[in-house]
Amino acid sequence: MPEDSKPARKRSPRTGTATKKTARKTASGSKPRATKAAAPRKSKSAVAARPTADQIRDRAYYIFLERGCTHGNDMQDWLQAERELIR
């Protein structure tokens, strides 16, 4: 094989020395596939999802309406809405 037709080797960014890419083959002769790590599955019964701020805000507003639209209890409404949505 003539010297000109050889592919150029890449230089390693760490050492500056030439590196050669080699692909490993499996026993069947094909290249191995890249595998992704499986994400842990969350059981619906084991992990309760936290309500979003929008969900809490909406529920607190309905609590406010149920109380007759009296002002001054916004914090109590918010906390009650959180408790109800977490259950």
Protein backbone atom coordinates (compact mmCIF):
# COMPACT_ATOMS: atom_id res chain seq x y z
CA MET A 1 0.00 0.00 0.00
CA PRO A 2 1.55 3.33 -1.01
CA GLU A 3 2.36 5.81 1.75
CA ASP A 4 0.05 8.45 0.17
CA SER A 5 -3.14 6.41 0.45
CA LYS A 6 -3.01 5.81 4.22
CA PRO A 7 -5.61 7.77 6.20
CA ALA A 8 -4.16 10.48 8.38
CA ARG A 9 -4.14 9.74 12.08
CA LYS A 10 -5.75 12.20 14.44
CA ARG A 11 -3.74 13.73 17.22
CA SER A 12 -4.84 13.26 20.80
CA PRO A 13 -5.74 16.63 22.39
CA ARG A 14 -4.16 15.57 25.69
CA THR A 15 -0.84 14.13 24.65
CA GLY A 16 -0.39 15.37 21.10
CA THR A 17 0.46 11.85 19.98
CA ALA A 18 -1.22 10.14 17.08
CA THR A 19 -4.28 8.07 17.83
CA LYS A 20 -5.94 5.41 15.77
CA LYS A 21 -9.65 4.71 15.96
CA THR A 22 -10.43 1.04 16.22
CA ALA A 23 -13.89 -0.43 16.45
CA ARG A 24 -14.44 -3.55 18.47
CA LYS A 25 -16.59 -6.22 17.00
CA THR A 26 -18.88 -8.61 18.79
CA ALA A 27 -18.65 -12.38 18.51
CA SER A 28 -21.11 -12.32 15.61
CA GLY A 29 -18.83 -9.96 13.71
CA SER A 30 -21.02 -6.86 13.85
CA LYS A 31 -20.19 -3.63 15.61
CA PRO A 32 -21.65 -3.25 19.10
CA ARG A 33 -24.50 -0.80 19.47
CA ALA A 34 -24.30 2.11 21.83
CA THR A 35 -26.69 1.62 24.72
CA LYS A 36 -28.30 4.30 26.79
CA ALA A 37 -28.69 3.88 30.50
CA ALA A 38 -32.31 3.22 31.33
CA ALA A 39 -33.97 5.95 33.34
CA PRO A 40 -35.30 4.71 36.66
CA ARG A 41 -39.02 4.18 36.51
CA LYS A 42 -41.06 6.06 39.03
CA SER A 43 -44.01 4.33 40.52
CA LYS A 44 -47.09 6.52 40.76
CA SER A 45 -47.82 5.20 44.23
CA ALA A 46 -44.26 5.67 45.50
CA VAL A 47 -43.60 9.24 44.32
CA ALA A 48 -46.26 11.94 44.59
CA ALA A 49 -45.90 14.75 42.09
CA ARG A 50 -45.77 18.22 43.57
CA PRO A 51 -48.49 20.55 42.31
CA THR A 52 -47.36 23.46 40.16
CA ALA A 53 -47.72 27.07 41.26
CA ASP A 54 -50.47 27.53 38.65
CA GLN A 55 -52.45 24.63 40.07
CA ILE A 56 -52.10 25.98 43.61
CA ARG A 57 -53.02 29.49 42.46
CA ASP A 58 -56.17 28.24 40.72
CA ARG A 59 -57.29 26.20 43.72
CA ALA A 60 -56.55 29.10 46.11
CA TYR A 61 -58.69 31.37 43.91
CA TYR A 62 -61.62 28.94 44.09
CA ILE A 63 -61.22 28.72 47.87
CA PHE A 64 -61.32 32.55 47.93
CA LEU A 65 -64.54 32.47 45.88
CA GLU A 66 -66.07 29.79 48.14
CA ARG A 67 -65.37 32.01 51.18
CA GLY A 68 -67.39 34.80 49.61
CA CYS A 69 -64.50 36.85 48.17
CA THR A 70 -63.42 38.23 51.54
CA HIS A 71 -59.91 39.66 51.42
CA GLY A 72 -57.06 39.16 53.89
CA ASN A 73 -56.78 35.38 53.93
CA ASP A 74 -54.61 34.86 50.88
CA MET A 75 -51.87 32.97 52.73
CA GLN A 76 -54.37 30.63 54.39
CA ASP A 77 -56.04 30.03 51.00
CA TRP A 78 -52.68 29.22 49.40
CA LEU A 79 -51.65 26.82 52.16
CA GLN A 80 -55.04 25.10 52.12
CA ALA A 81 -54.82 24.72 48.34
CA GLU A 82 -51.35 23.15 48.68
CA ARG A 83 -52.59 20.68 51.30
CA GLU A 84 -55.57 19.68 49.17
CA LEU A 85 -53.50 19.18 46.00
CA ILE A 86 -50.75 17.16 47.69
CA ARG A 87 -53.23 14.52 48.91
